[in-house]
Amino acid sequence: PANVSKIADNWRTQGNTVGALDFSANTA
């Protein structure tokens, strides 16, 4: 179960990282 929790934590971390990508500089 600890390994499954690590996978879930990794998915959440990666989701947060992807969600934080900022493309606003491209408009300039």
PDB file of all heavy atoms in Angstrom:
ATOM      1  N   PRO A   1       0.815  -1.214   0.000  1.00  0.00           N
ATOM      2  CA  PRO A   1       0.000   0.000   0.000  1.00  0.00           C
ATOM      3  C   PRO A   1       0.852   1.269   0.000  1.00  0.00           C
ATOM      4  O   PRO A   1       0.469   2.264  -0.616  1.00  0.00           O
ATOM      5  CB  PRO A   1      -0.828  -0.122   1.279  1.00  0.00           C
ATOM      6  CG  PRO A   1      -0.937  -1.600   1.498  1.00  0.00           C
ATOM      7  CD  PRO A   1       0.391  -2.155   1.042  1.00  0.00           C
ATOM      8  N   ALA A   2       2.005   1.227   0.636  1.00  0.00           N
ATOM      9  CA  ALA A   2       2.894   2.396   0.648  1.00  0.00           C
ATOM     10  C   ALA A   2       3.377   2.718  -0.767  1.00  0.00           C
ATOM     11  O   ALA A   2       3.516   3.893  -1.136  1.00  0.00           O
ATOM     12  CB  ALA A   2       4.088   2.153   1.567  1.00  0.00           C
ATOM     13  N   ASN A   3       3.606   1.685  -1.581  1.00  0.00           N
ATOM     14  CA  ASN A   3       4.029   1.912  -2.970  1.00  0.00           C
ATOM     15  C   ASN A   3       2.905   2.543  -3.773  1.00  0.00           C
ATOM     16  O   ASN A   3       3.147   3.433  -4.599  1.00  0.00           O
ATOM     17  CB  ASN A   3       4.456   0.602  -3.624  1.00  0.00           C
ATOM     18  CG  ASN A   3       5.704   0.020  -3.008  1.00  0.00           C
ATOM     19  OD1 ASN A   3       6.230   0.546  -2.040  1.00  0.00           O
ATOM     20  ND2 ASN A   3       6.163  -1.088  -3.543  1.00  0.00           N
ATOM     21  N   VAL A   4       1.665   2.088  -3.551  1.00  0.00           N
ATOM     22  CA  VAL A   4       0.518   2.660  -4.256  1.00  0.00           C
ATOM     23  C   VAL A   4       0.354   4.125  -3.853  1.00  0.00           C
ATOM     24  O   VAL A   4       0.079   4.983  -4.692  1.00  0.00           O
ATOM     25  CB  VAL A   4      -0.763   1.842  -3.980  1.00  0.00           C
ATOM     26  CG1 VAL A   4      -1.978   2.484  -4.642  1.00  0.00           C
ATOM     27  CG2 VAL A   4      -0.600   0.404  -4.462  1.00  0.00           C
ATOM     28  N   SER A   5       0.548   4.418  -2.567  1.00  0.00           N
ATOM     29  CA  SER A   5       0.460   5.809  -2.101  1.00  0.00           C
ATOM     30  C   SER A   5       1.519   6.673  -2.774  1.00  0.00           C
ATOM     31  O   SER A   5       1.244   7.831  -3.141  1.00  0.00           O
ATOM     32  CB  SER A   5       0.633   5.885  -0.585  1.00  0.00           C
ATOM     33  OG  SER A   5      -0.481   5.329   0.062  1.00  0.00           O
ATOM     34  N   LYS A   6       2.716   6.135  -2.964  1.00  0.00           N
ATOM     35  CA  LYS A   6       3.778   6.892  -3.637  1.00  0.00           C
ATOM     36  C   LYS A   6       3.409   7.186  -5.086  1.00  0.00           C
ATOM     37  O   LYS A   6       3.686   8.274  -5.596  1.00  0.00           O
ATOM     38  CB  LYS A   6       5.105   6.132  -3.574  1.00  0.00           C
ATOM     39  CG  LYS A   6       5.752   6.161  -2.210  1.00  0.00           C
ATOM     40  CD  LYS A   6       7.048   5.380  -2.205  1.00  0.00           C
ATOM     41  CE  LYS A   6       7.620   5.330  -0.790  1.00  0.00           C
ATOM     42  NZ  LYS A   6       8.829   4.497  -0.736  1.00  0.00           N
ATOM     43  N   ILE A   7       2.770   6.220  -5.747  1.00  0.00           N
ATOM     44  CA  ILE A   7       2.335   6.439  -7.128  1.00  0.00           C
ATOM     45  C   ILE A   7       1.294   7.559  -7.163  1.00  0.00           C
ATOM     46  O   ILE A   7       1.368   8.471  -7.989  1.00  0.00           O
ATOM     47  CB  ILE A   7       1.775   5.134  -7.737  1.00  0.00           C
ATOM     48  CG1 ILE A   7       2.890   4.100  -7.898  1.00  0.00           C
ATOM     49  CG2 ILE A   7       1.081   5.411  -9.074  1.00  0.00           C
ATOM     50  CD1 ILE A   7       2.408   2.694  -8.214  1.00  0.00           C
ATOM     51  N   ALA A   8       0.326   7.503  -6.244  1.00  0.00           N
ATOM     52  CA  ALA A   8      -0.714   8.540  -6.184  1.00  0.00           C
ATOM     53  C   ALA A   8      -0.084   9.907  -5.904  1.00  0.00           C
ATOM     54  O   ALA A   8      -0.464  10.910  -6.523  1.00  0.00           O
ATOM     55  CB  ALA A   8      -1.755   8.193  -5.121  1.00  0.00           C
ATOM     56  N   ASP A   9       0.870   9.947  -4.985  1.00  0.00           N
ATOM     57  CA  ASP A   9       1.557  11.211  -4.684  1.00  0.00           C
ATOM     58  C   ASP A   9       2.289  11.742  -5.913  1.00  0.00           C
ATOM     59  O   ASP A   9       2.267  12.947  -6.188  1.00  0.00           O
ATOM     60  CB  ASP A   9       2.556  11.036  -3.531  1.00  0.00           C
ATOM     61  CG  ASP A   9       1.879  10.770  -2.202  1.00  0.00           C
ATOM     62  OD1 ASP A   9       0.657  11.015  -2.071  1.00  0.00           O
ATOM     63  OD2 ASP A   9       2.590  10.306  -1.271  1.00  0.00           O
ATOM     64  N   ASN A  10       2.930  10.840  -6.655  1.00  0.00           N
ATOM     65  CA  ASN A  10       3.665  11.232  -7.855  1.00  0.00           C
ATOM     66  C   ASN A  10       2.703  11.798  -8.898  1.00  0.00           C
ATOM     67  O   ASN A  10       2.988  12.836  -9.513  1.00  0.00           O
ATOM     68  CB  ASN A  10       4.436  10.034  -8.417  1.00  0.00           C
ATOM     69  CG  ASN A  10       5.390  10.420  -9.521  1.00  0.00           C
ATOM     70  OD1 ASN A  10       5.416  11.542  -9.982  1.00  0.00           O
ATOM     71  ND2 ASN A  10       6.176   9.461  -9.960  1.00  0.00           N
ATOM     72  N   TRP A  11       1.567  11.145  -9.109  1.00  0.00           N
ATOM     73  CA  TRP A  11       0.587  11.644 -10.078  1.00  0.00           C
ATOM     74  C   TRP A  11       0.095  13.037  -9.669  1.00  0.00           C
ATOM     75  O   TRP A  11      -0.064  13.911 -10.502  1.00  0.00           O
ATOM     76  CB  TRP A  11      -0.592  10.690 -10.206  1.00  0.00           C
ATOM     77  CG  TRP A  11      -0.274   9.442 -10.994  1.00  0.00           C
ATOM     78  CD1 TRP A  11       0.847   9.178 -11.718  1.00  0.00           C
ATOM     79  CD2 TRP A  11      -1.107   8.294 -11.120  1.00  0.00           C
ATOM     80  NE1 TRP A  11       0.760   7.927 -12.289  1.00  0.00           N
ATOM     81  CE2 TRP A  11      -0.426   7.362 -11.937  1.00  0.00           C
ATOM     82  CE3 TRP A  11      -2.344   7.939 -10.621  1.00  0.00           C
ATOM     83  CZ2 TRP A  11      -0.962   6.131 -12.272  1.00  0.00           C
ATOM     84  CZ3 TRP A  11      -2.880   6.704 -10.955  1.00  0.00           C
ATOM     85  CH2 TRP A  11      -2.200   5.813 -11.775  1.00  0.00           C
ATOM     86  N   ARG A  12      -0.152  13.220  -8.365  1.00  0.00           N
ATOM     87  CA  ARG A  12      -0.624  14.532  -7.898  1.00  0.00           C
ATOM     88  C   ARG A  12       0.463  15.590  -8.128  1.00  0.00           C
ATOM     89  O   ARG A  12       0.182  16.684  -8.624  1.00  0.00           O
ATOM     90  CB  ARG A  12      -1.004  14.488  -6.421  1.00  0.00           C
ATOM     91  CG  ARG A  12      -1.374  15.873  -5.885  1.00  0.00           C
ATOM     92  CD  ARG A  12      -2.118  15.818  -4.597  1.00  0.00           C
ATOM     93  NE  ARG A  12      -3.389  15.152  -4.708  1.00  0.00           N
ATOM     94  CZ  ARG A  12      -4.469  15.647  -5.329  1.00  0.00           C
ATOM     95  NH1 ARG A  12      -4.407  16.823  -5.910  1.00  0.00           N
ATOM     96  NH2 ARG A  12      -5.585  14.984  -5.371  1.00  0.00           N
ATOM     97  N   THR A  13       1.707  15.273  -7.791  1.00  0.00           N
ATOM     98  CA  THR A  13       2.812  16.210  -7.992  1.00  0.00           C
ATOM     99  C   THR A  13       2.950  16.573  -9.468  1.00  0.00           C
ATOM    100  O   THR A  13       3.089  17.754  -9.815  1.00  0.00           O
ATOM    101  CB  THR A  13       4.133  15.606  -7.469  1.00  0.00           C
ATOM    102  OG1 THR A  13       3.994  15.353  -6.072  1.00  0.00           O
ATOM    103  CG2 THR A  13       5.314  16.520  -7.712  1.00  0.00           C
ATOM    104  N   GLN A  14       2.898  15.560 -10.333  1.00  0.00           N
ATOM    105  CA  GLN A  14       3.027  15.817 -11.767  1.00  0.00           C
ATOM    106  C   GLN A  14       1.843  16.632 -12.279  1.00  0.00           C
ATOM    107  O   GLN A  14       2.008  17.523 -13.118  1.00  0.00           O
ATOM    108  CB  GLN A  14       3.160  14.506 -12.549  1.00  0.00           C
ATOM    109  CG  GLN A  14       4.410  13.719 -12.217  1.00  0.00           C
ATOM    110  CD  GLN A  14       5.680  14.523 -12.364  1.00  0.00           C
ATOM    111  OE1 GLN A  14       5.868  15.250 -13.319  1.00  0.00           O
ATOM    112  NE2 GLN A  14       6.572  14.407 -11.385  1.00  0.00           N
ATOM    113  N   GLY A  15       0.648  16.345 -11.773  1.00  0.00           N
ATOM    114  CA  GLY A  15      -0.526  17.122 -12.156  1.00  0.00           C
ATOM    115  C   GLY A  15      -0.383  18.579 -11.765  1.00  0.00           C
ATOM    116  O   GLY A  15      -0.699  19.488 -12.543  1.00  0.00           O
ATOM    117  N   ASN A  16       0.111  18.814 -10.563  1.00  0.00           N
ATOM    118  CA  ASN A  16       0.315  20.193 -10.103  1.00  0.00           C
ATOM    119  C   ASN A  16       1.394  20.899 -10.935  1.00  0.00           C
ATOM    120  O   ASN A  16       1.270  22.085 -11.255  1.00  0.00           O
ATOM    121  CB  ASN A  16       0.681  20.226  -8.622  1.00  0.00           C
ATOM    122  CG  ASN A  16      -0.479  19.807  -7.742  1.00  0.00           C
ATOM    123  OD1 ASN A  16      -1.643  19.884  -8.134  1.00  0.00           O
ATOM    124  ND2 ASN A  16      -0.169  19.347  -6.548  1.00  0.00           N
ATOM    125  N   THR A  17       2.438  20.166 -11.298  1.00  0.00           N
ATOM    126  CA  THR A  17       3.517  20.743 -12.109  1.00  0.00           C
ATOM    127  C   THR A  17       2.998  21.116 -13.494  1.00  0.00           C
ATOM    128  O   THR A  17       3.247  22.226 -13.993  1.00  0.00           O
ATOM    129  CB  THR A  17       4.689  19.745 -12.234  1.00  0.00           C
ATOM    130  OG1 THR A  17       5.191  19.465 -10.923  1.00  0.00           O
ATOM    131  CG2 THR A  17       5.802  20.290 -13.103  1.00  0.00           C
ATOM    132  N   VAL A  18       2.266  20.202 -14.108  1.00  0.00           N
ATOM    133  CA  VAL A  18       1.719  20.473 -15.444  1.00  0.00           C
ATOM    134  C   VAL A  18       0.719  21.627 -15.380  1.00  0.00           C
ATOM    135  O   VAL A  18       0.715  22.511 -16.237  1.00  0.00           O
ATOM    136  CB  VAL A  18       1.065  19.207 -16.035  1.00  0.00           C
ATOM    137  CG1 VAL A  18       0.259  19.516 -17.289  1.00  0.00           C
ATOM    138  CG2 VAL A  18       2.119  18.158 -16.341  1.00  0.00           C
ATOM    139  N   GLY A  19      -0.113  21.642 -14.343  1.00  0.00           N
ATOM    140  CA  GLY A  19      -1.108  22.697 -14.198  1.00  0.00           C
ATOM    141  C   GLY A  19      -0.504  24.071 -13.961  1.00  0.00           C
ATOM    142  O   GLY A  19      -1.146  25.088 -14.217  1.00  0.00           O
ATOM    143  N   ALA A  20       0.722  24.107 -13.469  1.00  0.00           N
ATOM    144  CA  ALA A  20       1.371  25.388 -13.175  1.00  0.00           C
ATOM    145  C   ALA A  20       2.134  25.964 -14.373  1.00  0.00           C
ATOM    146  O   ALA A  20       2.669  27.070 -14.280  1.00  0.00           O
ATOM    147  CB  ALA A  20       2.330  25.222 -11.997  1.00  0.00           C
ATOM    148  N   LEU A  21       2.178  25.230 -15.485  1.00  0.00           N
ATOM    149  CA  LEU A  21       2.882  25.759 -16.661  1.00  0.00           C
ATOM    150  C   LEU A  21       2.213  27.041 -17.121  1.00  0.00           C
ATOM    151  O   LEU A  21       0.988  27.141 -17.163  1.00  0.00           O
ATOM    152  CB  LEU A  21       2.897  24.722 -17.787  1.00  0.00           C
ATOM    153  CG  LEU A  21       3.713  23.457 -17.513  1.00  0.00           C
ATOM    154  CD1 LEU A  21       3.522  22.452 -18.640  1.00  0.00           C
ATOM    155  CD2 LEU A  21       5.185  23.784 -17.330  1.00  0.00           C
ATOM    156  N   ASP A  22       3.031  28.020 -17.458  1.00  0.00           N
ATOM    157  CA  ASP A  22       2.516  29.345 -17.834  1.00  0.00           C
ATOM    158  C   ASP A  22       2.948  29.670 -19.258  1.00  0.00           C
ATOM    159  O   ASP A  22       4.140  29.651 -19.580  1.00  0.00           O
ATOM    160  CB  ASP A  22       3.068  30.397 -16.864  1.00  0.00           C
ATOM    161  CG  ASP A  22       2.561  31.794 -17.151  1.00  0.00           C
ATOM    162  OD1 ASP A  22       1.550  31.935 -17.869  1.00  0.00           O
ATOM    163  OD2 ASP A  22       3.181  32.746 -16.641  1.00  0.00           O
ATOM    164  N   PHE A  23       1.974  29.944 -20.093  1.00  0.00           N
ATOM    165  CA  PHE A  23       2.252  30.262 -21.497  1.00  0.00           C
ATOM    166  C   PHE A  23       1.992  31.729 -21.815  1.00  0.00           C
ATOM    167  O   PHE A  23       2.003  32.124 -22.974  1.00  0.00           O
ATOM    168  CB  PHE A  23       1.385  29.370 -22.404  1.00  0.00           C
ATOM    169  CG  PHE A  23       1.656  27.908 -22.210  1.00  0.00           C
ATOM    170  CD1 PHE A  23       0.870  27.148 -21.359  1.00  0.00           C
ATOM    171  CD2 PHE A  23       2.702  27.289 -22.860  1.00  0.00           C
ATOM    172  CE1 PHE A  23       1.117  25.798 -21.174  1.00  0.00           C
ATOM    173  CE2 PHE A  23       2.964  25.948 -22.683  1.00  0.00           C
ATOM    174  CZ  PHE A  23       2.166  25.192 -21.832  1.00  0.00           C
ATOM    175  N   SER A  24       1.772  32.548 -20.793  1.00  0.00           N
ATOM    176  CA  SER A  24       1.405  33.946 -21.030  1.00  0.00           C
ATOM    177  C   SER A  24       2.512  34.735 -21.725  1.00  0.00           C
ATOM    178  O   SER A  24       2.225  35.681 -22.462  1.00  0.00           O
ATOM    179  CB  SER A  24       1.019  34.630 -19.721  1.00  0.00           C
ATOM    180  OG  SER A  24       2.112  34.644 -18.819  1.00  0.00           O
ATOM    181  N   ALA A  25       3.750  34.355 -21.541  1.00  0.00           N
ATOM    182  CA  ALA A  25       4.848  35.086 -22.186  1.00  0.00           C
ATOM    183  C   ALA A  25       4.793  34.949 -23.702  1.00  0.00           C
ATOM    184  O   ALA A  25       5.301  35.820 -24.420  1.00  0.00           O
ATOM    185  CB  ALA A  25       6.186  34.588 -21.667  1.00  0.00           C
ATOM    186  N   ASN A  26       4.157  33.893 -24.188  1.00  0.00           N
ATOM    187  CA  ASN A  26       4.079  33.712 -25.643  1.00  0.00           C
ATOM    188  C   ASN A  26       3.302  34.840 -26.314  1.00  0.00           C
ATOM    189  O   ASN A  26       3.569  35.165 -27.471  1.00  0.00           O
ATOM    190  CB  ASN A  26       3.426  32.376 -25.977  1.00  0.00           C
ATOM    191  CG  ASN A  26       4.312  31.213 -25.660  1.00  0.00           C
ATOM    192  OD1 ASN A  26       5.211  31.316 -24.837  1.00  0.00           O
ATOM    193  ND2 ASN A  26       4.077  30.084 -26.285  1.00  0.00           N
ATOM    194  N   THR A  27       2.343  35.425 -25.619  1.00  0.00           N
ATOM    195  CA  THR A  27       1.534  36.487 -26.233  1.00  0.00           C
ATOM    196  C   THR A  27       2.360  37.740 -26.502  1.00  0.00           C
ATOM    197  O   THR A  27       1.966  38.569 -27.310  1.00  0.00           O
ATOM    198  CB  THR A  27       0.330  36.840 -25.337  1.00  0.00           C
ATOM    199  OG1 THR A  27       0.801  37.291 -24.068  1.00  0.00           O
ATOM    200  CG2 THR A  27      -0.584  35.643 -25.143  1.00  0.00           C
ATOM    201  N   ALA A  28       3.491  37.878 -25.856  1.00  0.00           N
ATOM    202  CA  ALA A  28       4.339  39.060 -26.026  1.00  0.00           C
ATOM    203  C   ALA A  28       5.459  38.847 -27.036  1.00  0.00           C
ATOM    204  O   ALA A  28       6.317  39.709 -27.198  1.00  0.00           O
ATOM    205  CB  ALA A  28       4.931  39.461 -24.678  1.00  0.00           C
TER     206      ALA A  28
END
